[in-house]
C-alpha atoms as a PDB file:
ATOM      1  CA  UNK A   1      18.074  83.405 103.039  1.00  0.00           C
ATOM      2  CA  UNK A   2      19.762  86.176 103.554  1.00  0.00           C
ATOM      3  CA  UNK A   3      22.870  84.626 102.433  1.00  0.00           C
ATOM      4  CA  UNK A   4      20.928  85.030  98.649  1.00  0.00           C
ATOM      5  CA  UNK A   5      20.068  88.112  98.731  1.00  0.00           C
ATOM      6  CA  UNK A   6      23.702  89.549  99.999  1.00  0.00           C
ATOM      7  CA  UNK A   7      24.975  87.236  97.200  1.00  0.00           C
ATOM      8  CA  UNK A   8      22.890  88.759  94.665  1.00  0.00           C
ATOM      9  CA  UNK A   9      24.075  92.293  95.626  1.00  0.00           C
ATOM     10  CA  UNK A  10      27.282  90.981  95.326  1.00  0.00           C
ATOM     11  CA  UNK A  11      27.322  89.756  92.345  1.00  0.00           C
ATOM     12  CA  UNK A  12      25.632  92.802  91.085  1.00  0.00           C
ATOM     13  CA  UNK A  13      28.261  94.879  92.177  1.00  0.00           C
ATOM     14  CA  UNK A  14      31.153  92.606  90.580  1.00  0.00           C
ATOM     15  CA  UNK A  15      28.746  92.695  87.408  1.00  0.00           C
ATOM     16  CA  UNK A  16      29.764  96.508  86.895  1.00  0.00           C
ATOM     17  CA  UNK A  17      33.294  95.623  86.696  1.00  0.00           C
ATOM     18  CA  UNK A  18      33.580  92.272  85.195  1.00  0.00           C
ATOM     19  CA  UNK A  19      31.581  91.294  81.819  1.00  0.00           C
ATOM     20  CA  UNK A  20      30.548  88.365  82.135  1.00  0.00           C
ATOM     21  CA  UNK A  21      31.984  85.276  83.934  1.00  0.00           C
ATOM     22  CA  UNK A  22      29.182  84.186  85.701  1.00  0.00           C
ATOM     23  CA  UNK A  23      30.323  80.461  86.744  1.00  0.00           C
ATOM     24  CA  UNK A  24      33.771  82.324  88.055  1.00  0.00           C
ATOM     25  CA  UNK A  25      32.173  84.802  90.390  1.00  0.00           C
ATOM     26  CA  UNK A  26      29.797  82.534  91.803  1.00  0.00           C
ATOM     27  CA  UNK A  27      32.389  79.960  92.508  1.00  0.00           C
ATOM     28  CA  UNK A  28      34.587  82.424  94.031  1.00  0.00           C
ATOM     29  CA  UNK A  29      31.815  84.069  96.253  1.00  0.00           C
ATOM     30  CA  UNK A  30      31.145  80.446  97.517  1.00  0.00           C
ATOM     31  CA  UNK A  31      34.792  79.643  98.593  1.00  0.00           C
ATOM     32  CA  UNK A  32      34.532  82.941 100.675  1.00  0.00           C
ATOM     33  CA  UNK A  33      30.846  81.708 102.116  1.00  0.00           C
ATOM     34  CA  UNK A  34      33.180  78.400 102.395  1.00  0.00           C
ATOM     35  CA  UNK A  35      36.218  80.086 104.588  1.00  0.00           C
ATOM     36  CA  UNK A  36      38.610  78.983 101.706  1.00  0.00           C
ATOM     37  CA  UNK A  37      40.920  80.156  99.362  1.00  0.00           C
ATOM     38  CA  UNK A  38      41.153  79.825  95.650  1.00  0.00           C
ATOM     39  CA  UNK A  39      43.422  78.658  92.527  1.00  0.00           C
ATOM     40  CA  UNK A  40      42.629  81.208  89.372  1.00  0.00           C
ATOM     41  CA  UNK A  41      43.405  79.581  85.964  1.00  0.00           C
ATOM     42  CA  UNK A  42      42.944  81.374  82.807  1.00  0.00           C
ATOM     43  CA  UNK A  43      45.016  82.817  80.482  1.00  0.00           C
ATOM     44  CA  UNK A  44      46.284  86.681  80.390  1.00  0.00           C
ATOM     45  CA  UNK A  45      43.483  89.460  79.907  1.00  0.00           C
ATOM     46  CA  UNK A  46      40.393  87.873  80.984  1.00  0.00           C
ATOM     47  CA  UNK A  47      40.032  89.780  84.304  1.00  0.00           C
ATOM     48  CA  UNK A  48      41.090  87.019  87.029  1.00  0.00           C
ATOM     49  CA  UNK A  49      42.738  90.046  88.501  1.00  0.00           C
ATOM     50  CA  UNK A  50      39.649  92.280  88.080  1.00  0.00           C
ATOM     51  CA  UNK A  51      37.321  89.857  89.520  1.00  0.00           C
ATOM     52  CA  UNK A  52      39.113  89.178  92.797  1.00  0.00           C
ATOM     53  CA  UNK A  53      39.740  93.270  93.384  1.00  0.00           C
ATOM     54  CA  UNK A  54      35.719  94.256  92.134  1.00  0.00           C
ATOM     55  CA  UNK A  55      35.183  91.447  95.090  1.00  0.00           C
ATOM     56  CA  UNK A  56      37.207  92.780  97.724  1.00  0.00           C
ATOM     57  CA  UNK A  57      35.770  96.030  96.733  1.00  0.00           C
ATOM     58  CA  UNK A  58      31.816  94.913  96.990  1.00  0.00           C
ATOM     59  CA  UNK A  59      32.693  93.311 100.141  1.00  0.00           C
ATOM     60  CA  UNK A  60      34.510  96.142 102.069  1.00  0.00           C
ATOM     61  CA  UNK A  61      37.581  93.906 102.500  1.00  0.00           C
ATOM     62  CA  UNK A  62      41.347  95.095 102.532  1.00  0.00           C
ATOM     63  CA  UNK A  63      43.097  93.668  99.703  1.00  0.00           C
ATOM     64  CA  UNK A  64      46.379  92.817  98.902  1.00  0.00           C
ATOM     65  CA  UNK A  65      48.348  92.026  95.759  1.00  0.00           C
ATOM     66  CA  UNK A  66      51.490  90.468  95.639  1.00  0.00           C
ATOM     67  CA  UNK A  67      53.079  89.772  92.371  1.00  0.00           C
ATOM     68  CA  UNK A  68      55.433  86.779  92.189  1.00  0.00           C
ATOM     69  CA  UNK A  69      58.623  86.365  90.607  1.00  0.00           C
ATOM     70  CA  UNK A  70      61.724  84.461  90.841  1.00  0.00           C
ATOM     71  CA  UNK A  71      63.364  86.210  93.481  1.00  0.00           C
ATOM     72  CA  UNK A  72      60.529  86.683  95.420  1.00  0.00           C
ATOM     73  CA  UNK A  73      61.567  85.623  99.498  1.00  0.00           C
ATOM     74  CA  UNK A  74      59.671  84.323 102.107  1.00  0.00           C
ATOM     75  CA  UNK A  75      60.187  86.892 103.704  1.00  0.00           C
ATOM     76  CA  UNK A  76      58.904  89.714 101.500  1.00  0.00           C
ATOM     77  CA  UNK A  77      55.400  88.136 101.997  1.00  0.00           C
ATOM     78  CA  UNK A  78      54.688  87.432 105.487  1.00  0.00           C
ATOM     79  CA  UNK A  79      57.423  89.916 106.691  1.00  0.00           C
ATOM     80  CA  UNK A  80      60.091  89.749 109.329  1.00  0.00           C
ATOM     81  CA  UNK A  81      61.132  91.229 112.554  1.00  0.00           C
ATOM     82  CA  UNK A  82      63.191  94.621 112.387  1.00  0.00           C
ATOM     83  CA  UNK A  83      65.477  95.837 115.116  1.00  0.00           C
ATOM     84  CA  UNK A  84      64.859  99.104 116.336  1.00  0.00           C
ATOM     85  CA  UNK A  85      67.936 100.882 117.736  1.00  0.00           C
ATOM     86  CA  UNK A  86      65.785 103.278 119.875  1.00  0.00           C
ATOM     87  CA  UNK A  87      63.785 100.971 121.773  1.00  0.00           C
ATOM     88  CA  UNK A  88      66.743  98.512 121.372  1.00  0.00           C
ATOM     89  CA  UNK A  89      63.481  96.120 120.420  1.00  0.00           C
ATOM     90  CA  UNK A  90      62.925  93.932 117.546  1.00  0.00           C
ATOM     91  CA  UNK A  91      59.349  95.109 115.876  1.00  0.00           C
ATOM     92  CA  UNK A  92      57.371  93.081 113.406  1.00  0.00           C
ATOM     93  CA  UNK A  93      57.617  94.443 109.879  1.00  0.00           C
ATOM     94  CA  UNK A  94      54.122  92.922 108.621  1.00  0.00           C
ATOM     95  CA  UNK A  95      54.282  91.830 104.801  1.00  0.00           C
ATOM     96  CA  UNK A  96      51.168  91.908 102.471  1.00  0.00           C
ATOM     97  CA  UNK A  97      49.713  88.500 103.833  1.00  0.00           C
ATOM     98  CA  UNK A  98      48.005  90.870 106.787  1.00  0.00           C
ATOM     99  CA  UNK A  99      45.171  91.592 104.693  1.00  0.00           C
ATOM    100  CA  UNK A 100      41.307  90.213 104.430  1.00  0.00           C
ATOM    101  CA  UNK A 101      41.709  89.277 100.642  1.00  0.00           C
ATOM    102  CA  UNK A 102      45.335  88.235  99.171  1.00  0.00           C
ATOM    103  CA  UNK A 103      45.980  88.275  95.322  1.00  0.00           C
ATOM    104  CA  UNK A 104      48.925  85.849  94.976  1.00  0.00           C
ATOM    105  CA  UNK A 105      49.688  86.729  91.546  1.00  0.00           C
ATOM    106  CA  UNK A 106      51.241  84.002  88.917  1.00  0.00           C
ATOM    107  CA  UNK A 107      52.134  82.365  91.902  1.00  0.00           C
ATOM    108  CA  UNK A 108      53.638  79.564  90.048  1.00  0.00           C
ATOM    109  CA  UNK A 109      56.681  82.100  89.239  1.00  0.00           C
ATOM    110  CA  UNK A 110      58.167  81.796  92.102  1.00  0.00           C
ATOM    111  CA  UNK A 111      60.047  79.164  93.913  1.00  0.00           C
ATOM    112  CA  UNK A 112      58.620  76.444  96.268  1.00  0.00           C
ATOM    113  CA  UNK A 113      60.190  77.946  99.331  1.00  0.00           C
ATOM    114  CA  UNK A 114      58.650  81.117  98.863  1.00  0.00           C
ATOM    115  CA  UNK A 115      55.318  79.222  97.782  1.00  0.00           C
ATOM    116  CA  UNK A 116      55.803  77.707 101.287  1.00  0.00           C
ATOM    117  CA  UNK A 117      55.653  80.729 102.855  1.00  0.00           C
ATOM    118  CA  UNK A 118      51.834  80.684 102.247  1.00  0.00           C
ATOM    119  CA  UNK A 119      50.850  77.381 103.634  1.00  0.00           C
ATOM    120  CA  UNK A 120      50.625  78.257 107.286  1.00  0.00           C
ATOM    121  CA  UNK A 121      48.664  81.315 106.571  1.00  0.00           C
ATOM    122  CA  UNK A 122      46.192  79.617 104.287  1.00  0.00           C
ATOM    123  CA  UNK A 123      45.819  76.647 106.656  1.00  0.00           C
ATOM    124  CA  UNK A 124      46.152  78.261 110.409  1.00  0.00           C
ATOM    125  CA  UNK A 125      45.408  81.884 109.673  1.00  0.00           C
ATOM    126  CA  UNK A 126      48.834  83.041 110.996  1.00  0.00           C
ATOM    127  CA  UNK A 127      52.210  83.374 110.304  1.00  0.00           C
ATOM    128  CA  UNK A 128      54.932  82.260 112.950  1.00  0.00           C
ATOM    129  CA  UNK A 129      58.131  84.789 112.669  1.00  0.00           C
ATOM    130  CA  UNK A 130      61.130  83.520 115.250  1.00  0.00           C
ATOM    131  CA  UNK A 131      58.559  81.199 117.247  1.00  0.00           C
ATOM    132  CA  UNK A 132      56.123  83.798 117.648  1.00  0.00           C
ATOM    133  CA  UNK A 133      52.763  83.185 115.955  1.00  0.00           C
ATOM    134  CA  UNK A 134      50.816  86.413 114.246  1.00  0.00           C
ATOM    135  CA  UNK A 135      47.312  86.095 113.790  1.00  0.00           C
ATOM    136  CA  UNK A 136      46.050  87.534 110.096  1.00  0.00           C
ATOM    137  CA  UNK A 137      42.860  89.639 110.064  1.00  0.00           C
ATOM    138  CA  UNK A 138      39.455  87.566 109.907  1.00  0.00           C
ATOM    139  CA  UNK A 139      38.364  86.958 107.009  1.00  0.00           C
ATOM    140  CA  UNK A 140      41.525  85.681 105.545  1.00  0.00           C
ATOM    141  CA  UNK A 141      41.150  84.297 101.652  1.00  0.00           C
ATOM    142  CA  UNK A 142      43.985  83.980  99.061  1.00  0.00           C
ATOM    143  CA  UNK A 143      42.802  83.338  95.862  1.00  0.00           C
ATOM    144  CA  UNK A 144      46.180  82.769  93.543  1.00  0.00           C
ATOM    145  CA  UNK A 145      46.450  82.900  90.046  1.00  0.00           C
ATOM    146  CA  UNK A 146      48.569  81.179  87.031  1.00  0.00           C
ATOM    147  CA  UNK A 147      48.976  80.816  83.761  1.00  0.00           C
ATOM    148  CA  UNK A 148      48.170  77.567  81.650  1.00  0.00           C
ATOM    149  CA  UNK A 149      50.373  78.068  78.589  1.00  0.00           C
ATOM    150  CA  UNK A 150      53.575  79.324  79.569  1.00  0.00           C
ATOM    151  CA  UNK A 151      56.121  77.311  81.204  1.00  0.00           C
ATOM    152  CA  UNK A 152      59.528  78.397  81.167  1.00  0.00           C
ATOM    153  CA  UNK A 153      60.454  80.014  84.475  1.00  0.00           C
ATOM    154  CA  UNK A 154      57.616  78.529  86.164  1.00  0.00           C
ATOM    155  CA  UNK A 155      57.430  76.403  89.085  1.00  0.00           C
ATOM    156  CA  UNK A 156      54.638  73.916  89.551  1.00  0.00           C
ATOM    157  CA  UNK A 157      52.528  73.912  92.855  1.00  0.00           C
ATOM    158  CA  UNK A 158      53.072  71.385  95.111  1.00  0.00           C
ATOM    159  CA  UNK A 159      50.531  68.623  95.410  1.00  0.00           C
ATOM    160  CA  UNK A 160      50.162  69.867  99.390  1.00  0.00           C
ATOM    161  CA  UNK A 161      50.104  73.275  98.357  1.00  0.00           C
ATOM    162  CA  UNK A 162      47.216  72.864  95.382  1.00  0.00           C
ATOM    163  CA  UNK A 163      45.529  71.017  98.083  1.00  0.00           C
ATOM    164  CA  UNK A 164      44.936  73.793 100.398  1.00  0.00           C
ATOM    165  CA  UNK A 165      42.766  75.822  97.953  1.00  0.00           C
ATOM    166  CA  UNK A 166      39.139  75.020  98.274  1.00  0.00           C
ATOM    167  CA  UNK A 167      38.264  75.455  94.593  1.00  0.00           C
ATOM    168  CA  UNK A 168      40.433  75.361  91.502  1.00  0.00           C
ATOM    169  CA  UNK A 169      38.334  77.815  89.306  1.00  0.00           C
ATOM    170  CA  UNK A 170      39.092  77.902  85.497  1.00  0.00           C
ATOM    171  CA  UNK A 171      38.472  81.194  83.111  1.00  0.00           C
ATOM    172  CA  UNK A 172      38.072  80.592  80.153  1.00  0.00           C
ATOM    173  CA  UNK A 173      37.411  83.428  76.994  1.00  0.00           C
ATOM    174  CA  UNK A 174      34.457  85.007  76.641  1.00  0.00           C
ATOM    175  CA  UNK A 175      31.848  84.725  74.117  1.00  0.00           C
ATOM    176  CA  UNK A 176      31.585  87.162  71.384  1.00  0.00           C
ATOM    177  CA  UNK A 177      28.750  89.379  72.474  1.00  0.00           C
ATOM    178  CA  UNK A 178      30.202  89.356  75.807  1.00  0.00           C
ATOM    179  CA  UNK A 179      33.772  90.200  74.699  1.00  0.00           C
ATOM    180  CA  UNK A 180      31.877  93.021  72.452  1.00  0.00           C
ATOM    181  CA  UNK A 181      30.291  94.388  75.853  1.00  0.00           C
ATOM    182  CA  UNK A 182      33.689  94.222  77.511  1.00  0.00           C
ATOM    183  CA  UNK A 183      34.951  96.608  74.192  1.00  0.00           C
ATOM    184  CA  UNK A 184      31.884  99.033  74.586  1.00  0.00           C
ATOM    185  CA  UNK A 185      32.614  99.324  78.049  1.00  0.00           C
ATOM    186  CA  UNK A 186      36.212 100.468  77.962  1.00  0.00           C
ATOM    187  CA  UNK A 187      34.970 102.577  74.974  1.00  0.00           C
ATOM    188  CA  UNK A 188      32.860 104.780  76.984  1.00  0.00           C
ATOM    189  CA  UNK A 189      35.477 105.302  79.813  1.00  0.00           C
ATOM    190  CA  UNK A 190      35.860 102.110  81.853  1.00  0.00           C
ATOM    191  CA  UNK A 191      39.087 101.920  83.214  1.00  0.00           C
ATOM    192  CA  UNK A 192      40.214  98.828  85.730  1.00  0.00           C
ATOM    193  CA  UNK A 193      42.571 100.504  87.332  1.00  0.00           C
ATOM    194  CA  UNK A 194      40.080 102.611  89.063  1.00  0.00           C
ATOM    195  CA  UNK A 195      36.954 100.572  90.020  1.00  0.00           C
ATOM    196  CA  UNK A 196      35.223 103.905  92.010  1.00  0.00           C
ATOM    197  CA  UNK A 197      34.224 105.355  88.968  1.00  0.00           C
ATOM    198  CA  UNK A 198      32.796 102.267  87.812  1.00  0.00           C
ATOM    199  CA  UNK A 199      30.595 102.556  90.892  1.00  0.00           C
ATOM    200  CA  UNK A 200      31.070  99.448  92.558  1.00  0.00           C
ATOM    201  CA  UNK A 201      30.129 100.170  96.188  1.00  0.00           C
ATOM    202  CA  UNK A 202      30.448  98.150  99.209  1.00  0.00           C
ATOM    203  CA  UNK A 203      27.225  96.020 100.186  1.00  0.00           C
ATOM    204  CA  UNK A 204      28.854  94.423 102.887  1.00  0.00           C
ATOM    205  CA  UNK A 205      31.602  93.652 105.386  1.00  0.00           C
ATOM    206  CA  UNK A 206      34.027  91.779 107.233  1.00  0.00           C
ATOM    207  CA  UNK A 207      31.377  91.225 110.552  1.00  0.00           C
ATOM    208  CA  UNK A 208      28.644  90.816 107.789  1.00  0.00           C
ATOM    209  CA  UNK A 209      30.363  88.542 106.154  1.00  0.00           C
ATOM    210  CA  UNK A 210      31.364  86.238 109.309  1.00  0.00           C
ATOM    211  CA  UNK A 211      27.724  86.432 109.681  1.00  0.00           C
ATOM    212  CA  UNK A 212      26.914  85.117 106.155  1.00  0.00           C
ATOM    213  CA  UNK A 213      29.487  81.995 106.724  1.00  0.00           C
ATOM    214  CA  UNK A 214      27.796  81.241 110.231  1.00  0.00           C
ATOM    215  CA  UNK A 215      24.695  80.460 108.274  1.00  0.00           C
ATOM    216  CA  UNK A 216      26.785  78.324 105.628  1.00  0.00           C
ATOM    217  CA  UNK A 217      27.685  75.977 108.134  1.00  0.00           C
ATOM    218  CA  UNK A 218      24.069  75.437 109.422  1.00  0.00           C
ATOM    219  CA  UNK A 219      22.781  74.836 106.027  1.00  0.00           C
ATOM    220  CA  UNK A 220      21.297  70.854 106.467  1.00  0.00           C
ATOM    221  CA  UNK A 221      23.126  67.673 105.231  1.00  0.00           C
ATOM    222  CA  UNK A 222      21.035  64.276 104.789  1.00  0.00           C
ATOM    223  CA  UNK A 223      22.821  60.924 104.455  1.00  0.00           C
ATOM    224  CA  UNK A 224      22.058  60.452 101.066  1.00  0.00           C
ATOM    225  CA  UNK A 225      23.986  63.425 100.302  1.00  0.00           C
ATOM    226  CA  UNK A 226      27.316  62.263 102.383  1.00  0.00           C
ATOM    227  CA  UNK A 227      27.218  59.079 100.632  1.00  0.00           C
ATOM    228  CA  UNK A 228      27.189  60.802  96.974  1.00  0.00           C
ATOM    229  CA  UNK A 229      29.794  63.290  98.048  1.00  0.00           C
ATOM    230  CA  UNK A 230      32.017  59.932  99.468  1.00  0.00           C
ATOM    231  CA  UNK A 231      31.486  57.948  96.441  1.00  0.00           C
ATOM    232  CA  UNK A 232      32.496  60.824  93.964  1.00  0.00           C
ATOM    233  CA  UNK A 233      35.681  61.112  96.370  1.00  0.00           C
ATOM    234  CA  UNK A 234      36.372  57.565  96.511  1.00  0.00           C
ATOM    235  CA  UNK A 235      36.413  56.689  93.085  1.00  0.00           C
ATOM    236  CA  UNK A 236      38.733  58.740  92.063  1.00  0.00           C
ATOM    237  CA  UNK A 237      41.277  56.534  94.217  1.00  0.00           C
ATOM    238  CA  UNK A 238      40.095  53.783  91.632  1.00  0.00           C
ATOM    239  CA  UNK A 239      40.230  55.140  88.461  1.00  0.00           C
ATOM    240  CA  UNK A 240      42.408  54.056  86.119  1.00  0.00           C
ATOM    241  CA  UNK A 241      43.624  57.410  84.214  1.00  0.00           C
ATOM    242  CA  UNK A 242      44.419  58.370  87.470  1.00  0.00           C
ATOM    243  CA  UNK A 243      47.954  58.135  89.184  1.00  0.00           C
ATOM    244  CA  UNK A 244      46.099  58.783  92.677  1.00  0.00           C
ATOM    245  CA  UNK A 245      43.158  60.109  93.823  1.00  0.00           C
ATOM    246  CA  UNK A 246      41.314  63.091  96.237  1.00  0.00           C
ATOM    247  CA  UNK A 247      42.251  62.835  99.856  1.00  0.00           C
ATOM    248  CA  UNK A 248      39.547  62.896 102.455  1.00  0.00           C
ATOM    249  CA  UNK A 249      40.126  66.822 102.274  1.00  0.00           C
ATOM    250  CA  UNK A 250      38.329  66.911  99.370  1.00  0.00           C
ATOM    251  CA  UNK A 251      35.145  65.517 100.882  1.00  0.00           C
ATOM    252  CA  UNK A 252      35.160  68.026 103.323  1.00  0.00           C
ATOM    253  CA  UNK A 253      35.562  70.756 100.687  1.00  0.00           C
ATOM    254  CA  UNK A 254      32.900  69.234  98.807  1.00  0.00           C
ATOM    255  CA  UNK A 255      30.780  69.299 101.846  1.00  0.00           C
ATOM    256  CA  UNK A 256      31.485  73.004 102.537  1.00  0.00           C
ATOM    257  CA  UNK A 257      30.918  74.196  98.942  1.00  0.00           C
ATOM    258  CA  UNK A 258      27.751  72.267  98.525  1.00  0.00           C
ATOM    259  CA  UNK A 259      25.988  73.882 101.687  1.00  0.00           C
ATOM    260  CA  UNK A 260      27.640  77.031 100.455  1.00  0.00           C
ATOM    261  CA  UNK A 261      25.836  77.191  97.175  1.00  0.00           C
ATOM    262  CA  UNK A 262      22.711  75.806  98.714  1.00  0.00           C
ATOM    263  CA  UNK A 263      22.422  78.381 100.917  1.00  0.00           C
ATOM    264  CA  UNK A 264      23.521  80.646  97.804  1.00  0.00           C
ATOM    265  CA  UNK A 265      20.562  79.452  95.796  1.00  0.00           C
ATOM    266  CA  UNK A 266      18.388  80.720  98.777  1.00  0.00           C
ATOM    267  CA  UNK A 267      17.913  76.880 100.254  1.00  0.00           C
ATOM    268  CA  UNK A 268      18.729  75.690 104.278  1.00  0.00           C
ATOM    269  CA  UNK A 269      19.223  72.262 102.726  1.00  0.00           C
ATOM    270  CA  UNK A 270      21.706  70.478 100.199  1.00  0.00           C
ATOM    271  CA  UNK A 271      20.411  68.745  97.527  1.00  0.00           C
ATOM    272  CA  UNK A 272      22.985  66.767  94.587  1.00  0.00           C
ATOM    273  CA  UNK A 273      22.864  69.259  91.929  1.00  0.00           C
ATOM    274  CA  UNK A 274      24.846  71.820  94.487  1.00  0.00           C
ATOM    275  CA  UNK A 275      27.632  68.484  94.828  1.00  0.00           C
ATOM    276  CA  UNK A 276      27.814  67.553  91.071  1.00  0.00           C
ATOM    277  CA  UNK A 277      27.786  71.456  90.272  1.00  0.00           C
ATOM    278  CA  UNK A 278      31.443  72.394  92.538  1.00  0.00           C
ATOM    279  CA  UNK A 279      32.900  68.608  92.309  1.00  0.00           C
ATOM    280  CA  UNK A 280      34.928  69.486  89.161  1.00  0.00           C
ATOM    281  CA  UNK A 281      36.493  72.634  90.937  1.00  0.00           C
ATOM    282  CA  UNK A 282      37.131  71.063  94.036  1.00  0.00           C
ATOM    283  CA  UNK A 283      38.656  68.215  92.901  1.00  0.00           C
ATOM    284  CA  UNK A 284      40.401  69.080  89.463  1.00  0.00           C
ATOM    285  CA  UNK A 285      43.595  69.993  91.350  1.00  0.00           C
ATOM    286  CA  UNK A 286      43.787  67.249  93.846  1.00  0.00           C
ATOM    287  CA  UNK A 287      44.153  64.206  91.591  1.00  0.00           C
ATOM    288  CA  UNK A 288      47.242  63.242  89.247  1.00  0.00           C
ATOM    289  CA  UNK A 289      46.715  61.980  85.956  1.00  0.00           C
ATOM    290  CA  UNK A 290      48.785  58.993  84.436  1.00  0.00           C
ATOM    291  CA  UNK A 291      51.441  59.886  81.934  1.00  0.00           C
ATOM    292  CA  UNK A 292      49.944  57.361  79.696  1.00  0.00           C
ATOM    293  CA  UNK A 293      46.598  58.610  80.026  1.00  0.00           C
ATOM    294  CA  UNK A 294      48.527  62.212  78.887  1.00  0.00           C
ATOM    295  CA  UNK A 295      49.985  60.627  76.075  1.00  0.00           C
ATOM    296  CA  UNK A 296      46.758  59.522  74.725  1.00  0.00           C
ATOM    297  CA  UNK A 297      45.459  63.299  75.081  1.00  0.00           C
ATOM    298  CA  UNK A 298      43.231  62.719  78.154  1.00  0.00           C
ATOM    299  CA  UNK A 299      42.777  65.451  80.789  1.00  0.00           C
ATOM    300  CA  UNK A 300      41.921  65.517  84.487  1.00  0.00           C
ATOM    301  CA  UNK A 301      38.677  67.618  83.537  1.00  0.00           C
ATOM    302  CA  UNK A 302      37.754  64.700  81.159  1.00  0.00           C
ATOM    303  CA  UNK A 303      38.138  61.770  83.232  1.00  0.00           C
ATOM    304  CA  UNK A 304      36.603  63.536  86.421  1.00  0.00           C
ATOM    305  CA  UNK A 305      33.678  64.523  84.397  1.00  0.00           C
ATOM    306  CA  UNK A 306      33.167  61.168  83.451  1.00  0.00           C
ATOM    307  CA  UNK A 307      33.570  59.956  86.790  1.00  0.00           C
ATOM    308  CA  UNK A 308      30.729  62.403  88.316  1.00  0.00           C
ATOM    309  CA  UNK A 309      28.522  61.511  85.658  1.00  0.00           C
ATOM    310  CA  UNK A 310      28.736  57.811  86.579  1.00  0.00           C
ATOM    311  CA  UNK A 311      27.930  58.215  89.989  1.00  0.00           C
ATOM    312  CA  UNK A 312      24.181  57.312  90.863  1.00  0.00           C
ATOM    313  CA  UNK A 313      22.058  60.480  91.910  1.00  0.00           C
ATOM    314  CA  UNK A 314      20.211  59.879  95.228  1.00  0.00           C
ATOM    315  CA  UNK A 315      16.587  60.913  95.001  1.00  0.00           C
END
């Protein structure tokens, strides 16, 4: 399939800037192909921002970045109407959200009112100013980052906002040999601020991405896969260690992600492994751990991993 060929070309370009993090790169690519948004979580300095920039550049998409801070206002995100005395009319001053790929850096450092400014953009692909809707460029994807280790001065994302993200991708520290490659690249002159010098070239574009997304939507799904997805999602609602489980939107997300991953792997049909591989990134931010389970040292990932492994894999 052409999706697999395009995905391989994109991965090769991203690898010119991002060493390792293969699973994270693939999951971000899957989210783009499935027309979704990504919540990136990881400690500072593990290439979250670099990954998004390299992905946008390899796809030749317009990239924008918002540094979320406690004093950021909703109009700083979506824009506002400004009165022009020359024409005696209001003109739209577009905010940084009017791009193809938006990096919402440290999204949990801004108050809920400003976080909510992204809700309409993420769900409807438009923003409404003074009652008038303004469509966003297509394609449109939000990649939001957050730091898991700092809680002072942060505002946890509401469940409704988290549920808008197709995937929550967790980036961990690189392996020793990978980290060694990073040092050698920087010693040789690599600069994250100058991706052009790294040799990243566009291998696709907005129109090509739209066609690849259409290819992913046409991937076949058998009834046994639907049952497998339903079993995973519904079991989260019965788990003793979870306060509440995943909504039907989680099942829809798992379906679309499974189809995109199948296309990336060169298939026009979904297999159980596609669903199983993406179940954790799809579900981890859509469920809430019971306080007593947290006291016992359990984590959402551990609880979900046990539930996923307990599912009967269709043959």
